[in-house]
Amino acid sequence: MGKLRITQVKSANRAKKNQSETLRSLGLKKIGDVVEREDTPQFRGYANTVIHLVSVEEVE
């Protein structure tokens, strides 16, 4: 199973509360933070919730 590399590219200052909480659950705290997570439906859903704030790449 592959991995997802998720990078925060925009601030969560004006984001809805659930979106900023989703960023925290992914492990992203500030612009430029990068995390790698397993490519599961759960993390895909997290990424889709905040797709306007992050960049998502597939990593093998």
N, C-alpha and C. Protein backbone atom coordinates (compact mmCIF):
# COMPACT_ATOMS: atom_id res chain seq x y z
N MET A 1 0.84 -1.17 0.00
CA MET A 1 0.00 0.00 0.00
C MET A 1 0.89 1.24 0.00
N GLY A 2 0.50 2.25 -0.76
CA GLY A 2 1.28 3.46 -0.89
C GLY A 2 1.08 4.42 0.26
N LYS A 3 1.69 5.57 0.10
CA LYS A 3 1.59 6.61 1.11
C LYS A 3 1.15 7.90 0.45
N LEU A 4 0.61 8.79 1.27
CA LEU A 4 0.25 10.13 0.83
C LEU A 4 1.18 11.12 1.50
N ARG A 5 1.74 12.04 0.73
CA ARG A 5 2.52 13.13 1.28
C ARG A 5 1.62 14.36 1.26
N ILE A 6 1.30 14.86 2.44
CA ILE A 6 0.38 15.98 2.58
C ILE A 6 1.15 17.19 3.09
N THR A 7 1.08 18.30 2.35
CA THR A 7 1.78 19.53 2.68
C THR A 7 0.76 20.64 2.88
N GLN A 8 0.87 21.37 3.98
CA GLN A 8 -0.02 22.50 4.20
C GLN A 8 0.50 23.69 3.42
N VAL A 9 -0.34 24.27 2.56
CA VAL A 9 0.08 25.37 1.70
C VAL A 9 -0.64 26.68 2.01
N LYS A 10 -1.72 26.61 2.77
CA LYS A 10 -2.46 27.81 3.15
C LYS A 10 -2.75 27.79 4.64
N SER A 11 -2.99 28.97 5.18
CA SER A 11 -3.27 29.12 6.60
C SER A 11 -4.68 28.66 6.93
N ALA A 12 -4.86 28.22 8.17
CA ALA A 12 -6.18 27.79 8.65
C ALA A 12 -6.83 28.86 9.49
N ASN A 13 -6.35 30.10 9.43
CA ASN A 13 -6.88 31.17 10.27
C ASN A 13 -8.37 31.38 10.07
N ARG A 14 -8.82 31.43 8.85
CA ARG A 14 -10.24 31.70 8.59
C ARG A 14 -11.02 30.45 8.22
N ALA A 15 -10.43 29.31 8.43
CA ALA A 15 -11.10 28.04 8.12
C ALA A 15 -12.14 27.73 9.19
N LYS A 16 -13.09 26.89 8.82
CA LYS A 16 -14.09 26.45 9.79
C LYS A 16 -13.40 25.61 10.86
N LYS A 17 -14.06 25.49 12.00
CA LYS A 17 -13.46 24.79 13.13
C LYS A 17 -13.14 23.34 12.78
N ASN A 18 -14.06 22.65 12.08
CA ASN A 18 -13.81 21.25 11.75
C ASN A 18 -12.63 21.10 10.79
N GLN A 19 -12.39 22.10 9.95
CA GLN A 19 -11.26 22.03 9.03
C GLN A 19 -9.94 22.23 9.76
N SER A 20 -9.89 23.16 10.70
CA SER A 20 -8.65 23.35 11.46
C SER A 20 -8.38 22.14 12.35
N GLU A 21 -9.43 21.50 12.87
CA GLU A 21 -9.25 20.29 13.66
C GLU A 21 -8.77 19.13 12.79
N THR A 22 -9.21 19.09 11.55
CA THR A 22 -8.75 18.06 10.62
C THR A 22 -7.27 18.23 10.33
N LEU A 23 -6.82 19.47 10.16
CA LEU A 23 -5.39 19.72 9.95
C LEU A 23 -4.59 19.23 11.15
N ARG A 24 -5.08 19.49 12.35
CA ARG A 24 -4.39 19.04 13.57
C ARG A 24 -4.33 17.53 13.63
N SER A 25 -5.44 16.87 13.27
CA SER A 25 -5.45 15.40 13.32
C SER A 25 -4.51 14.79 12.29
N LEU A 26 -4.25 15.51 11.21
CA LEU A 26 -3.27 15.06 10.23
C LEU A 26 -1.85 15.31 10.71
N GLY A 27 -1.68 16.19 11.68
CA GLY A 27 -0.35 16.51 12.21
C GLY A 27 0.24 17.76 11.60
N LEU A 28 -0.59 18.59 10.98
CA LEU A 28 -0.13 19.82 10.35
C LEU A 28 -0.43 21.00 11.26
N LYS A 29 0.60 21.83 11.52
CA LYS A 29 0.44 22.94 12.44
C LYS A 29 0.65 24.30 11.78
N LYS A 30 1.51 24.36 10.76
CA LYS A 30 1.79 25.64 10.13
C LYS A 30 2.07 25.42 8.64
N ILE A 31 2.09 26.51 7.90
CA ILE A 31 2.33 26.44 6.46
C ILE A 31 3.73 25.86 6.22
N GLY A 32 3.81 24.93 5.31
CA GLY A 32 5.07 24.30 4.98
C GLY A 32 5.29 22.96 5.68
N ASP A 33 4.47 22.63 6.65
CA ASP A 33 4.59 21.33 7.32
C ASP A 33 4.24 20.21 6.35
N VAL A 34 4.99 19.11 6.43
CA VAL A 34 4.78 17.96 5.56
C VAL A 34 4.65 16.71 6.43
N VAL A 35 3.64 15.89 6.12
CA VAL A 35 3.48 14.61 6.80
C VAL A 35 3.26 13.53 5.75
N GLU A 36 3.65 12.32 6.08
CA GLU A 36 3.37 11.17 5.23
C GLU A 36 2.48 10.22 5.99
N ARG A 37 1.37 9.84 5.39
CA ARG A 37 0.40 8.95 6.01
C ARG A 37 0.10 7.81 5.05
N GLU A 38 -0.34 6.69 5.60
CA GLU A 38 -0.76 5.56 4.78
C GLU A 38 -1.93 5.98 3.88
N ASP A 39 -1.99 5.42 2.71
CA ASP A 39 -3.06 5.73 1.76
C ASP A 39 -4.28 4.88 2.10
N THR A 40 -5.07 5.36 3.04
CA THR A 40 -6.29 4.67 3.46
C THR A 40 -7.49 5.58 3.19
N PRO A 41 -8.68 5.03 3.14
CA PRO A 41 -9.86 5.87 2.93
C PRO A 41 -10.01 6.95 4.01
N GLN A 42 -9.60 6.65 5.23
CA GLN A 42 -9.70 7.62 6.31
C GLN A 42 -8.86 8.87 6.02
N PHE A 43 -7.59 8.69 5.64
CA PHE A 43 -6.73 9.82 5.37
C PHE A 43 -7.09 10.51 4.07
N ARG A 44 -7.61 9.77 3.11
CA ARG A 44 -8.11 10.41 1.88
C ARG A 44 -9.27 11.35 2.20
N GLY A 45 -10.16 10.91 3.10
CA GLY A 45 -11.28 11.76 3.53
C GLY A 45 -10.81 12.99 4.25
N TYR A 46 -9.81 12.84 5.13
CA TYR A 46 -9.23 14.00 5.82
C TYR A 46 -8.68 14.98 4.79
N ALA A 47 -7.94 14.48 3.82
CA ALA A 47 -7.33 15.35 2.82
C ALA A 47 -8.40 16.05 1.98
N ASN A 48 -9.49 15.35 1.65
CA ASN A 48 -10.55 15.96 0.85
C ASN A 48 -11.29 17.05 1.63
N THR A 49 -11.34 16.91 2.95
CA THR A 49 -11.99 17.92 3.77
C THR A 49 -11.26 19.26 3.71
N VAL A 50 -9.94 19.21 3.63
CA VAL A 50 -9.12 20.43 3.64
C VAL A 50 -8.32 20.59 2.35
N ILE A 51 -8.86 20.11 1.23
CA ILE A 51 -8.13 20.10 -0.04
C ILE A 51 -7.74 21.51 -0.48
N HIS A 52 -8.47 22.53 -0.06
CA HIS A 52 -8.14 23.91 -0.43
C HIS A 52 -7.00 24.48 0.42
N LEU A 53 -6.58 23.76 1.46
CA LEU A 53 -5.52 24.22 2.33
C LEU A 53 -4.24 23.40 2.20
N VAL A 54 -4.30 22.26 1.52
CA VAL A 54 -3.17 21.35 1.45
C VAL A 54 -2.88 20.93 0.01
N SER A 55 -1.68 20.37 -0.15
CA SER A 55 -1.28 19.74 -1.40
C SER A 55 -1.05 18.26 -1.10
N VAL A 56 -1.60 17.38 -1.94
CA VAL A 56 -1.53 15.94 -1.69
C VAL A 56 -0.81 15.26 -2.85
N GLU A 57 0.20 14.45 -2.52
CA GLU A 57 0.94 13.68 -3.53
C GLU A 57 0.94 12.22 -3.12
N GLU A 58 0.92 11.34 -4.10
CA GLU A 58 1.07 9.91 -3.82
C GLU A 58 2.54 9.55 -3.87
N VAL A 59 3.00 8.80 -2.86
CA VAL A 59 4.39 8.38 -2.75
C VAL A 59 4.41 6.87 -2.67
N GLU A 60 5.34 6.25 -3.35
CA GLU A 60 5.43 4.79 -3.29
C GLU A 60 6.46 4.32 -2.32
